[in-house]
Amino acid sequence: MRFHQAVTFLPVEETLSLSAACDGMGYSGIYLSDHLFNPRDLKSRYTYSKAPDGAPFWEKEAAWPDPMCVIAALSGVTTNLTFTTGIYIAPVRDLITVAKSVGTTAVLSGNRVRLGVGVGWCEEEYAQTGQDFHTRGKRLNDMIPALRALWQGGWVEYHGTHYDVPPCQMNPAPTLPVPILGGGDSEPALLRATTLCDGWINTGAAAPDEAFQQVRKVKDALKREGRENEAFSVYVAVRAMPDPDLYRRLEDAGVTDLLCAPWMAVQAKEGDTPASIHNARVAACEGFAEHIIDAFS
């Protein structure tokens, strides 16, 4: 079992120092999320919203730093950690921009990028980038093999249903394949992950019973595709108190990577300073590593 520190909603100014601290604690990676902006007038319904109006659970002031910028910065202050996007909304961007940005970041990080992709839900973001919201799933299915082709180095080209790239040089190119993980719990997302990707990521923290059901569906889908014996990463976030026994059962079920955020347990108190809060967050990450990650070492 590999453990990944999720830094979504962590204050941006703390991301580098907390990640650098986690680099030596036994965490396998950092997990980053993606949005372009928060619309003031939001008409799109967040897929997993509990609110009657479909609004997402985060505030409109929430920061969404560009994942590739963050990974490039983190790679300069860490040595051991990998960096997984969960999820990078690839089809809200054009193919060449994705290929160039992710490929360069993979090079700068020493091949430590793990690209988790999905279609997203916010039509307002697509409107501002000029990408078709309604074909986003089909375009992502075509983008995945296109990215693999464009990252090969040398003269590359791709001719697909939605993307047609004539021979070109896109350097620098990653020296190792960038793992691509499919995010999402819908049937199209599951099909995409198990047919086109190197792994799967669940969306949001699932209750334990639901997590086991999700993993079983992934395993069944891989078997249908004849991929049950291939290397395939299964990333899961589970909504439960830290529990080594639960994590071992998830591992036995097929989970390879667990998402966690022990820093979120730190509650600011009156009189706390930004420095003291940050130190408490780092201590929480260290405590999780000592009590949970060390048990799997």
C-alpha atoms as a PDB file:
ATOM      1  CA  MET A   1       0.000   0.000   0.000  1.00  0.00           C
ATOM      2  CA  ARG A   2       1.274   3.430  -0.968  1.00  0.00           C
ATOM      3  CA  PHE A   3       0.051   6.537   0.876  1.00  0.00           C
ATOM      4  CA  HIS A   4      -0.453   9.889  -0.841  1.00  0.00           C
ATOM      5  CA  GLN A   5      -0.800  13.207   0.962  1.00  0.00           C
ATOM      6  CA  ALA A   6      -3.706  15.177  -0.531  1.00  0.00           C
ATOM      7  CA  VAL A   7      -3.010  18.918  -0.472  1.00  0.00           C
ATOM      8  CA  THR A   8      -6.276  20.182  -1.947  1.00  0.00           C
ATOM      9  CA  PHE A   9      -7.469  23.161   0.143  1.00  0.00           C
ATOM     10  CA  LEU A  10      -4.157  23.359   1.987  1.00  0.00           C
ATOM     11  CA  PRO A  11      -3.119  27.038   1.971  1.00  0.00           C
ATOM     12  CA  VAL A  12      -0.961  27.486  -1.116  1.00  0.00           C
ATOM     13  CA  GLU A  13       1.841  29.089   0.872  1.00  0.00           C
ATOM     14  CA  GLU A  14       2.168  25.923   2.987  1.00  0.00           C
ATOM     15  CA  THR A  15       2.259  23.428   0.128  1.00  0.00           C
ATOM     16  CA  LEU A  16       6.007  23.429  -0.486  1.00  0.00           C
ATOM     17  CA  SER A  17       7.099  23.216   3.146  1.00  0.00           C
ATOM     18  CA  LEU A  18       4.540  20.565   4.125  1.00  0.00           C
ATOM     19  CA  SER A  19       5.398  18.454   1.075  1.00  0.00           C
ATOM     20  CA  ALA A  20       9.117  18.802   1.764  1.00  0.00           C
ATOM     21  CA  ALA A  21       8.519  17.608   5.326  1.00  0.00           C
ATOM     22  CA  CYS A  22       6.508  14.608   4.084  1.00  0.00           C
ATOM     23  CA  ASP A  23       9.291  13.646   1.678  1.00  0.00           C
ATOM     24  CA  GLY A  24      11.166  11.891   4.449  1.00  0.00           C
ATOM     25  CA  MET A  25       8.223  10.460   6.395  1.00  0.00           C
ATOM     26  CA  GLY A  26       7.401   7.489   4.190  1.00  0.00           C
ATOM     27  CA  TYR A  27       4.631   8.999   2.082  1.00  0.00           C
ATOM     28  CA  SER A  28       4.753   7.844  -1.529  1.00  0.00           C
ATOM     29  CA  GLY A  29       3.347  10.955  -3.087  1.00  0.00           C
ATOM     30  CA  ILE A  30       1.428  14.205  -3.153  1.00  0.00           C
ATOM     31  CA  TYR A  31      -2.095  14.332  -4.572  1.00  0.00           C
ATOM     32  CA  LEU A  32      -3.330  17.519  -6.259  1.00  0.00           C
ATOM     33  CA  SER A  33      -6.725  18.581  -7.623  1.00  0.00           C
ATOM     34  CA  ASP A  34      -7.616  20.885 -10.507  1.00  0.00           C
ATOM     35  CA  HIS A  35     -10.019  23.674 -11.432  1.00  0.00           C
ATOM     36  CA  LEU A  36      -9.439  26.764 -13.532  1.00  0.00           C
ATOM     37  CA  PHE A  37     -11.615  29.180 -11.562  1.00  0.00           C
ATOM     38  CA  ASN A  38     -14.724  29.513  -9.373  1.00  0.00           C
ATOM     39  CA  PRO A  39     -17.626  31.074 -11.320  1.00  0.00           C
ATOM     40  CA  ARG A  40     -19.642  33.666  -9.414  1.00  0.00           C
ATOM     41  CA  ASP A  41     -22.769  32.681 -11.339  1.00  0.00           C
ATOM     42  CA  LEU A  42     -22.616  28.901 -11.312  1.00  0.00           C
ATOM     43  CA  LYS A  43     -25.364  27.011 -13.139  1.00  0.00           C
ATOM     44  CA  SER A  44     -23.593  23.654 -13.454  1.00  0.00           C
ATOM     45  CA  ARG A  45     -24.409  21.103 -10.776  1.00  0.00           C
ATOM     46  CA  TYR A  46     -21.471  19.579  -8.936  1.00  0.00           C
ATOM     47  CA  THR A  47     -21.764  15.838  -9.541  1.00  0.00           C
ATOM     48  CA  TYR A  48     -21.409  14.876  -5.877  1.00  0.00           C
ATOM     49  CA  SER A  49     -23.207  17.824  -4.302  1.00  0.00           C
ATOM     50  CA  LYS A  50     -25.394  17.302  -1.241  1.00  0.00           C
ATOM     51  CA  ALA A  51     -26.930  20.775  -1.605  1.00  0.00           C
ATOM     52  CA  PRO A  52     -30.416  21.233  -3.108  1.00  0.00           C
ATOM     53  CA  ASP A  53     -29.031  23.670  -5.688  1.00  0.00           C
ATOM     54  CA  GLY A  54     -26.163  21.373  -6.657  1.00  0.00           C
ATOM     55  CA  ALA A  55     -23.474  23.738  -5.387  1.00  0.00           C
ATOM     56  CA  PRO A  56     -20.043  22.298  -4.536  1.00  0.00           C
ATOM     57  CA  PHE A  57     -19.000  22.074  -0.897  1.00  0.00           C
ATOM     58  CA  TRP A  58     -16.063  24.508  -1.158  1.00  0.00           C
ATOM     59  CA  GLU A  59     -16.197  28.279  -0.898  1.00  0.00           C
ATOM     60  CA  LYS A  60     -16.002  30.472  -3.988  1.00  0.00           C
ATOM     61  CA  GLU A  61     -12.762  31.901  -2.597  1.00  0.00           C
ATOM     62  CA  ALA A  62     -11.089  28.462  -2.644  1.00  0.00           C
ATOM     63  CA  ALA A  63      -7.693  28.514  -4.337  1.00  0.00           C
ATOM     64  CA  TRP A  64      -6.990  26.159  -7.236  1.00  0.00           C
ATOM     65  CA  PRO A  65      -3.296  26.538  -8.131  1.00  0.00           C
ATOM     66  CA  ASP A  66      -2.349  25.054 -11.475  1.00  0.00           C
ATOM     67  CA  PRO A  67      -1.261  21.460 -10.746  1.00  0.00           C
ATOM     68  CA  MET A  68       1.644  21.452 -13.191  1.00  0.00           C
ATOM     69  CA  CYS A  69       3.049  24.674 -11.730  1.00  0.00           C
ATOM     70  CA  VAL A  70       2.783  23.208  -8.243  1.00  0.00           C
ATOM     71  CA  ILE A  71       4.398  19.906  -9.259  1.00  0.00           C
ATOM     72  CA  ALA A  72       7.296  21.709 -10.923  1.00  0.00           C
ATOM     73  CA  ALA A  73       7.861  23.681  -7.712  1.00  0.00           C
ATOM     74  CA  LEU A  74       7.485  20.628  -5.457  1.00  0.00           C
ATOM     75  CA  SER A  75       9.943  18.602  -7.499  1.00  0.00           C
ATOM     76  CA  GLY A  76      12.629  21.101  -6.559  1.00  0.00           C
ATOM     77  CA  VAL A  77      12.165  20.619  -2.800  1.00  0.00           C
ATOM     78  CA  THR A  78      11.554  16.837  -2.717  1.00  0.00           C
ATOM     79  CA  THR A  79      13.363  13.709  -3.808  1.00  0.00           C
ATOM     80  CA  ASN A  80      11.183  10.679  -3.142  1.00  0.00           C
ATOM     81  CA  LEU A  81       7.609  11.798  -3.702  1.00  0.00           C
ATOM     82  CA  THR A  82       5.572  11.211  -6.833  1.00  0.00           C
ATOM     83  CA  PHE A  83       2.854  13.674  -7.868  1.00  0.00           C
ATOM     84  CA  THR A  84      -0.626  12.493  -8.840  1.00  0.00           C
ATOM     85  CA  THR A  85      -3.360  14.742 -10.207  1.00  0.00           C
ATOM     86  CA  GLY A  86      -6.829  13.809  -9.088  1.00  0.00           C
ATOM     87  CA  ILE A  87      -8.195  14.807 -11.282  1.00  0.00           C
ATOM     88  CA  TYR A  88      -6.684  16.960 -14.051  1.00  0.00           C
ATOM     89  CA  ILE A  89      -9.520  18.167 -16.276  1.00  0.00           C
ATOM     90  CA  ALA A  90      -7.655  17.458 -19.489  1.00  0.00           C
ATOM     91  CA  PRO A  91     -10.447  18.061 -22.066  1.00  0.00           C
ATOM     92  CA  VAL A  92     -11.103  21.586 -20.769  1.00  0.00           C
ATOM     93  CA  ARG A  93      -7.737  22.313 -22.402  1.00  0.00           C
ATOM     94  CA  ASP A  94      -6.569  21.704 -25.948  1.00  0.00           C
ATOM     95  CA  LEU A  95      -4.441  18.626 -26.655  1.00  0.00           C
ATOM     96  CA  ILE A  96      -1.190  20.425 -27.454  1.00  0.00           C
ATOM     97  CA  THR A  97      -1.342  22.531 -24.286  1.00  0.00           C
ATOM     98  CA  VAL A  98      -1.867  19.414 -22.157  1.00  0.00           C
ATOM     99  CA  ALA A  99       0.893  17.485 -23.908  1.00  0.00           C
ATOM    100  CA  LYS A 100       3.378  20.349 -23.591  1.00  0.00           C
ATOM    101  CA  SER A 101       2.585  21.302 -19.993  1.00  0.00           C
ATOM    102  CA  VAL A 102       2.453  17.774 -18.577  1.00  0.00           C
ATOM    103  CA  GLY A 103       5.406  16.544 -20.635  1.00  0.00           C
ATOM    104  CA  THR A 104       7.655  19.396 -19.500  1.00  0.00           C
ATOM    105  CA  THR A 105       6.579  18.914 -15.877  1.00  0.00           C
ATOM    106  CA  ALA A 106       7.358  15.205 -16.117  1.00  0.00           C
ATOM    107  CA  VAL A 107      10.859  16.055 -17.340  1.00  0.00           C
ATOM    108  CA  LEU A 108      11.480  18.686 -14.642  1.00  0.00           C
ATOM    109  CA  SER A 109      10.270  16.337 -11.895  1.00  0.00           C
ATOM    110  CA  GLY A 110      12.417  13.410 -13.022  1.00  0.00           C
ATOM    111  CA  ASN A 111       9.481  11.354 -14.304  1.00  0.00           C
ATOM    112  CA  ARG A 112       7.531  11.672 -11.059  1.00  0.00           C
ATOM    113  CA  VAL A 113       4.197  12.792 -12.596  1.00  0.00           C
ATOM    114  CA  ARG A 114       1.174  10.478 -12.420  1.00  0.00           C
ATOM    115  CA  LEU A 115      -1.553  12.031 -14.575  1.00  0.00           C
ATOM    116  CA  GLY A 116      -5.030  11.361 -13.198  1.00  0.00           C
ATOM    117  CA  VAL A 117      -7.559  12.628 -15.758  1.00  0.00           C
ATOM    118  CA  GLY A 118     -11.300  13.150 -15.895  1.00  0.00           C
ATOM    119  CA  VAL A 119     -13.960  15.125 -17.737  1.00  0.00           C
ATOM    120  CA  GLY A 120     -15.035  17.490 -14.962  1.00  0.00           C
ATOM    121  CA  TRP A 121     -18.515  18.859 -14.421  1.00  0.00           C
ATOM    122  CA  CYS A 122     -18.280  22.667 -14.680  1.00  0.00           C
ATOM    123  CA  GLU A 123     -19.558  23.837 -18.073  1.00  0.00           C
ATOM    124  CA  GLU A 124     -18.581  27.422 -17.251  1.00  0.00           C
ATOM    125  CA  GLU A 125     -14.890  26.452 -17.372  1.00  0.00           C
ATOM    126  CA  TYR A 126     -15.302  24.902 -20.819  1.00  0.00           C
ATOM    127  CA  ALA A 127     -17.054  28.008 -22.097  1.00  0.00           C
ATOM    128  CA  GLN A 128     -14.059  30.161 -21.198  1.00  0.00           C
ATOM    129  CA  THR A 129     -11.479  27.905 -22.846  1.00  0.00           C
ATOM    130  CA  GLY A 130     -13.485  27.329 -26.022  1.00  0.00           C
ATOM    131  CA  GLN A 131     -13.655  23.555 -25.592  1.00  0.00           C
ATOM    132  CA  ASP A 132     -16.856  21.606 -26.244  1.00  0.00           C
ATOM    133  CA  PHE A 133     -18.415  20.546 -22.942  1.00  0.00           C
ATOM    134  CA  HIS A 134     -20.744  17.992 -24.528  1.00  0.00           C
ATOM    135  CA  THR A 135     -18.016  15.987 -26.285  1.00  0.00           C
ATOM    136  CA  ARG A 136     -15.581  16.059 -23.376  1.00  0.00           C
ATOM    137  CA  GLY A 137     -15.772  12.324 -22.676  1.00  0.00           C
ATOM    138  CA  LYS A 138     -15.216  11.270 -26.283  1.00  0.00           C
ATOM    139  CA  ARG A 139     -12.402  13.784 -26.642  1.00  0.00           C
ATOM    140  CA  LEU A 140     -10.690  12.521 -23.497  1.00  0.00           C
ATOM    141  CA  ASN A 141     -10.877   8.969 -24.843  1.00  0.00           C
ATOM    142  CA  ASP A 142      -9.035  10.191 -27.942  1.00  0.00           C
ATOM    143  CA  MET A 143      -6.678  12.455 -25.991  1.00  0.00           C
ATOM    144  CA  ILE A 144      -5.209   9.631 -23.891  1.00  0.00           C
ATOM    145  CA  PRO A 145      -3.592   7.726 -26.782  1.00  0.00           C
ATOM    146  CA  ALA A 146      -2.710  11.060 -28.410  1.00  0.00           C
ATOM    147  CA  LEU A 147      -0.735  12.113 -25.324  1.00  0.00           C
ATOM    148  CA  ARG A 148       1.129   8.814 -25.246  1.00  0.00           C
ATOM    149  CA  ALA A 149       2.087   9.324 -28.904  1.00  0.00           C
ATOM    150  CA  LEU A 150       3.198  12.938 -28.458  1.00  0.00           C
ATOM    151  CA  TRP A 151       5.405  12.090 -25.461  1.00  0.00           C
ATOM    152  CA  GLN A 152       7.514   9.530 -27.320  1.00  0.00           C
ATOM    153  CA  GLY A 153      10.195  12.030 -28.350  1.00  0.00           C
ATOM    154  CA  GLY A 154      11.640  12.722 -31.764  1.00  0.00           C
ATOM    155  CA  TRP A 155       9.278  13.145 -34.695  1.00  0.00           C
ATOM    156  CA  VAL A 156       5.786  12.304 -33.467  1.00  0.00           C
ATOM    157  CA  GLU A 157       2.285  12.449 -34.913  1.00  0.00           C
ATOM    158  CA  TYR A 158      -1.235  11.350 -34.082  1.00  0.00           C
ATOM    159  CA  HIS A 159      -4.337  10.804 -36.201  1.00  0.00           C
ATOM    160  CA  GLY A 160      -7.512  10.083 -34.259  1.00  0.00           C
ATOM    161  CA  THR A 161     -11.215  10.826 -34.230  1.00  0.00           C
ATOM    162  CA  HIS A 162     -11.018  14.225 -32.528  1.00  0.00           C
ATOM    163  CA  TYR A 163      -7.323  15.094 -32.788  1.00  0.00           C
ATOM    164  CA  ASP A 164      -5.102  15.160 -35.865  1.00  0.00           C
ATOM    165  CA  VAL A 165      -1.478  16.170 -35.300  1.00  0.00           C
ATOM    166  CA  PRO A 166       0.945  16.179 -38.242  1.00  0.00           C
ATOM    167  CA  PRO A 167       4.586  15.154 -37.727  1.00  0.00           C
ATOM    168  CA  CYS A 168       6.226  17.476 -35.202  1.00  0.00           C
ATOM    169  CA  GLN A 169       8.890  17.639 -32.515  1.00  0.00           C
ATOM    170  CA  MET A 170       7.627  18.197 -28.972  1.00  0.00           C
ATOM    171  CA  ASN A 171      10.688  18.516 -26.790  1.00  0.00           C
ATOM    172  CA  PRO A 172      11.601  18.044 -24.042  1.00  0.00           C
ATOM    173  CA  ALA A 173       9.928  14.660 -23.913  1.00  0.00           C
ATOM    174  CA  PRO A 174       9.613  12.447 -20.818  1.00  0.00           C
ATOM    175  CA  THR A 175      12.247   9.727 -20.743  1.00  0.00           C
ATOM    176  CA  LEU A 176       9.761   7.276 -19.201  1.00  0.00           C
ATOM    177  CA  PRO A 177       6.058   6.790 -19.973  1.00  0.00           C
ATOM    178  CA  VAL A 178       3.791   9.054 -17.915  1.00  0.00           C
ATOM    179  CA  PRO A 179       1.258   6.824 -16.106  1.00  0.00           C
ATOM    180  CA  ILE A 180      -2.301   7.917 -16.918  1.00  0.00           C
ATOM    181  CA  LEU A 181      -5.046   7.185 -14.396  1.00  0.00           C
ATOM    182  CA  GLY A 182      -8.761   7.463 -15.095  1.00  0.00           C
ATOM    183  CA  GLY A 183     -10.805   9.274 -12.459  1.00  0.00           C
ATOM    184  CA  GLY A 184     -14.513   8.927 -11.772  1.00  0.00           C
ATOM    185  CA  ASP A 185     -17.179   6.506 -10.603  1.00  0.00           C
ATOM    186  CA  SER A 186     -19.579   6.588 -13.573  1.00  0.00           C
ATOM    187  CA  GLU A 187     -19.795   3.713 -16.031  1.00  0.00           C
ATOM    188  CA  PRO A 188     -18.106   5.698 -18.856  1.00  0.00           C
ATOM    189  CA  ALA A 189     -15.321   6.738 -16.464  1.00  0.00           C
ATOM    190  CA  LEU A 190     -14.815   3.173 -15.272  1.00  0.00           C
ATOM    191  CA  LEU A 191     -14.729   1.913 -18.864  1.00  0.00           C
ATOM    192  CA  ARG A 192     -12.194   4.596 -19.788  1.00  0.00           C
ATOM    193  CA  ALA A 193      -9.948   3.699 -16.862  1.00  0.00           C
ATOM    194  CA  THR A 194     -10.003  -0.048 -17.423  1.00  0.00           C
ATOM    195  CA  THR A 195      -9.529   0.085 -21.198  1.00  0.00           C
ATOM    196  CA  LEU A 196      -7.277   3.102 -21.807  1.00  0.00           C
ATOM    197  CA  CYS A 197      -5.478   3.861 -18.542  1.00  0.00           C
ATOM    198  CA  ASP A 198      -2.840   2.530 -16.177  1.00  0.00           C
ATOM    199  CA  GLY A 199      -5.002   2.946 -13.098  1.00  0.00           C
ATOM    200  CA  TRP A 200      -8.216   4.291 -11.576  1.00  0.00           C
ATOM    201  CA  ILE A 201      -9.027   6.934  -8.937  1.00  0.00           C
ATOM    202  CA  ASN A 202     -12.297   7.115  -7.012  1.00  0.00           C
ATOM    203  CA  THR A 203     -13.953  10.500  -6.674  1.00  0.00           C
ATOM    204  CA  GLY A 204     -14.273  11.936  -3.196  1.00  0.00           C
ATOM    205  CA  ALA A 205     -13.975   9.992   0.017  1.00  0.00           C
ATOM    206  CA  ALA A 206     -16.188   6.910   0.013  1.00  0.00           C
ATOM    207  CA  ALA A 207     -17.611   5.136   3.041  1.00  0.00           C
ATOM    208  CA  PRO A 208     -15.753   1.854   3.655  1.00  0.00           C
ATOM    209  CA  ASP A 209     -18.530  -0.392   2.281  1.00  0.00           C
ATOM    210  CA  GLU A 210     -18.822   1.792  -0.801  1.00  0.00           C
ATOM    211  CA  ALA A 211     -15.052   1.751  -1.305  1.00  0.00           C
ATOM    212  CA  PHE A 212     -15.011  -2.044  -1.310  1.00  0.00           C
ATOM    213  CA  GLN A 213     -17.876  -2.075  -3.829  1.00  0.00           C
ATOM    214  CA  GLN A 214     -16.018   0.388  -6.064  1.00  0.00           C
ATOM    215  CA  VAL A 215     -12.849  -1.693  -6.028  1.00  0.00           C
ATOM    216  CA  ARG A 216     -14.824  -4.839  -6.808  1.00  0.00           C
ATOM    217  CA  LYS A 217     -16.366  -3.118  -9.853  1.00  0.00           C
ATOM    218  CA  VAL A 218     -12.916  -2.068 -11.056  1.00  0.00           C
ATOM    219  CA  LYS A 219     -11.552  -5.584 -10.641  1.00  0.00           C
ATOM    220  CA  ASP A 220     -14.542  -7.086 -12.466  1.00  0.00           C
ATOM    221  CA  ALA A 221     -14.140  -4.600 -15.315  1.00  0.00           C
ATOM    222  CA  LEU A 222     -10.431  -5.389 -15.637  1.00  0.00           C
ATOM    223  CA  LYS A 223     -11.251  -9.075 -15.818  1.00  0.00           C
ATOM    224  CA  ARG A 224     -13.783  -8.463 -18.586  1.00  0.00           C
ATOM    225  CA  GLU A 225     -11.089  -6.630 -20.535  1.00  0.00           C
ATOM    226  CA  GLY A 226      -8.561  -9.415 -19.979  1.00  0.00           C
ATOM    227  CA  ARG A 227      -6.345  -7.107 -17.918  1.00  0.00           C
ATOM    228  CA  GLU A 228      -6.671  -8.761 -14.510  1.00  0.00           C
ATOM    229  CA  ASN A 229      -2.992  -9.775 -14.505  1.00  0.00           C
ATOM    230  CA  GLU A 230      -1.624  -6.408 -15.670  1.00  0.00           C
ATOM    231  CA  ALA A 231      -0.087  -3.844 -13.370  1.00  0.00           C
ATOM    232  CA  PHE A 232      -2.912  -1.442 -12.561  1.00  0.00           C
ATOM    233  CA  SER A 233      -3.036   1.197  -9.822  1.00  0.00           C
ATOM    234  CA  VAL A 234      -6.190   1.580  -7.721  1.00  0.00           C
ATOM    235  CA  TYR A 235      -6.355   4.870  -5.790  1.00  0.00           C
ATOM    236  CA  VAL A 236      -8.992   5.190  -3.075  1.00  0.00           C
ATOM    237  CA  ALA A 237      -9.982   7.853  -0.569  1.00  0.00           C
ATOM    238  CA  VAL A 238     -12.050   6.392   2.252  1.00  0.00           C
ATOM    239  CA  ARG A 239     -14.228   8.298   4.705  1.00  0.00           C
ATOM    240  CA  ALA A 240     -13.178   6.750   8.013  1.00  0.00           C
ATOM    241  CA  MET A 241     -10.848   7.352  10.912  1.00  0.00           C
ATOM    242  CA  PRO A 242      -7.293   6.121  10.266  1.00  0.00           C
ATOM    243  CA  ASP A 243      -7.355   2.356  10.750  1.00  0.00           C
ATOM    244  CA  PRO A 244      -4.522  -0.022   9.779  1.00  0.00           C
ATOM    245  CA  ASP A 245      -6.880  -3.009   9.786  1.00  0.00           C
ATOM    246  CA  LEU A 246      -9.254  -1.269   7.351  1.00  0.00           C
ATOM    247  CA  TYR A 247      -6.351  -0.313   5.122  1.00  0.00           C
ATOM    248  CA  ARG A 248      -5.045  -3.890   5.126  1.00  0.00           C
ATOM    249  CA  ARG A 249      -8.462  -5.171   4.070  1.00  0.00           C
ATOM    250  CA  LEU A 250      -8.558  -2.586   1.289  1.00  0.00           C
ATOM    251  CA  GLU A 251      -5.102  -3.669   0.210  1.00  0.00           C
ATOM    252  CA  ASP A 252      -6.221  -7.293   0.152  1.00  0.00           C
ATOM    253  CA  ALA A 253      -9.207  -6.237  -1.990  1.00  0.00           C
ATOM    254  CA  GLY A 254      -6.887  -4.661  -4.555  1.00  0.00           C
ATOM    255  CA  VAL A 255      -6.237  -1.073  -3.441  1.00  0.00           C
ATOM    256  CA  THR A 256      -2.666  -0.085  -4.252  1.00  0.00           C
ATOM    257  CA  ASP A 257      -2.736   3.593  -3.258  1.00  0.00           C
ATOM    258  CA  LEU A 258      -4.549   5.308  -0.384  1.00  0.00           C
ATOM    259  CA  LEU A 259      -5.297   9.035  -0.284  1.00  0.00           C
ATOM    260  CA  CYS A 260      -5.045  10.760   3.087  1.00  0.00           C
ATOM    261  CA  ALA A 261      -4.899  14.278   4.522  1.00  0.00           C
ATOM    262  CA  PRO A 262      -4.026  14.112   8.238  1.00  0.00           C
ATOM    263  CA  TRP A 263      -3.225  17.844   8.225  1.00  0.00           C
ATOM    264  CA  MET A 264      -6.959  18.535   7.850  1.00  0.00           C
ATOM    265  CA  ALA A 265      -7.550  17.329  11.419  1.00  0.00           C
ATOM    266  CA  VAL A 266      -5.783  20.399  12.800  1.00  0.00           C
ATOM    267  CA  GLN A 267      -8.291  22.970  14.057  1.00  0.00           C
ATOM    268  CA  ALA A 268      -7.065  26.511  14.533  1.00  0.00           C
ATOM    269  CA  LYS A 269      -7.617  27.910  18.029  1.00  0.00           C
ATOM    270  CA  GLU A 270      -7.705  31.454  19.280  1.00  0.00           C
ATOM    271  CA  GLY A 271      -4.200  32.788  19.567  1.00  0.00           C
ATOM    272  CA  ASP A 272      -2.696  30.403  17.044  1.00  0.00           C
ATOM    273  CA  THR A 273      -0.320  31.939  14.544  1.00  0.00           C
ATOM    274  CA  PRO A 274       0.083  30.814  10.921  1.00  0.00           C
ATOM    275  CA  ALA A 275       3.435  29.300  11.903  1.00  0.00           C
ATOM    276  CA  SER A 276       1.998  27.351  14.836  1.00  0.00           C
ATOM    277  CA  ILE A 277      -0.886  26.055  12.712  1.00  0.00           C
ATOM    278  CA  HIS A 278       1.509  24.932  10.011  1.00  0.00           C
ATOM    279  CA  ASN A 279       3.747  23.199  12.547  1.00  0.00           C
ATOM    280  CA  ALA A 280       0.716  21.394  13.938  1.00  0.00           C
ATOM    281  CA  ARG A 281      -0.222  20.245  10.444  1.00  0.00           C
ATOM    282  CA  VAL A 282       3.259  18.892   9.837  1.00  0.00           C
ATOM    283  CA  ALA A 283       3.115  17.127  13.220  1.00  0.00           C
ATOM    284  CA  ALA A 284      -0.228  15.550  12.256  1.00  0.00           C
ATOM    285  CA  CYS A 285       1.315  14.221   9.044  1.00  0.00           C
ATOM    286  CA  GLU A 286       4.246  12.854  11.024  1.00  0.00           C
ATOM    287  CA  GLY A 287       1.931  11.155  13.511  1.00  0.00           C
ATOM    288  CA  PHE A 288      -0.014   9.475  10.698  1.00  0.00           C
ATOM    289  CA  ALA A 289       3.239   8.264   9.184  1.00  0.00           C
ATOM    290  CA  GLU A 290       4.441   6.818  12.477  1.00  0.00           C
ATOM    291  CA  HIS A 291       1.198   5.049  13.387  1.00  0.00           C
ATOM    292  CA  ILE A 292      -0.091   4.024   9.949  1.00  0.00           C
ATOM    293  CA  ILE A 293       2.523   4.126   7.209  1.00  0.00           C
ATOM    294  CA  ASP A 294       5.244   2.524   9.324  1.00  0.00           C
ATOM    295  CA  ALA A 295       2.910  -0.418   9.910  1.00  0.00           C
ATOM    296  CA  PHE A 296       2.992  -1.118   6.165  1.00  0.00           C
ATOM    297  CA  SER A 297       6.724  -0.657   5.734  1.00  0.00           C
END
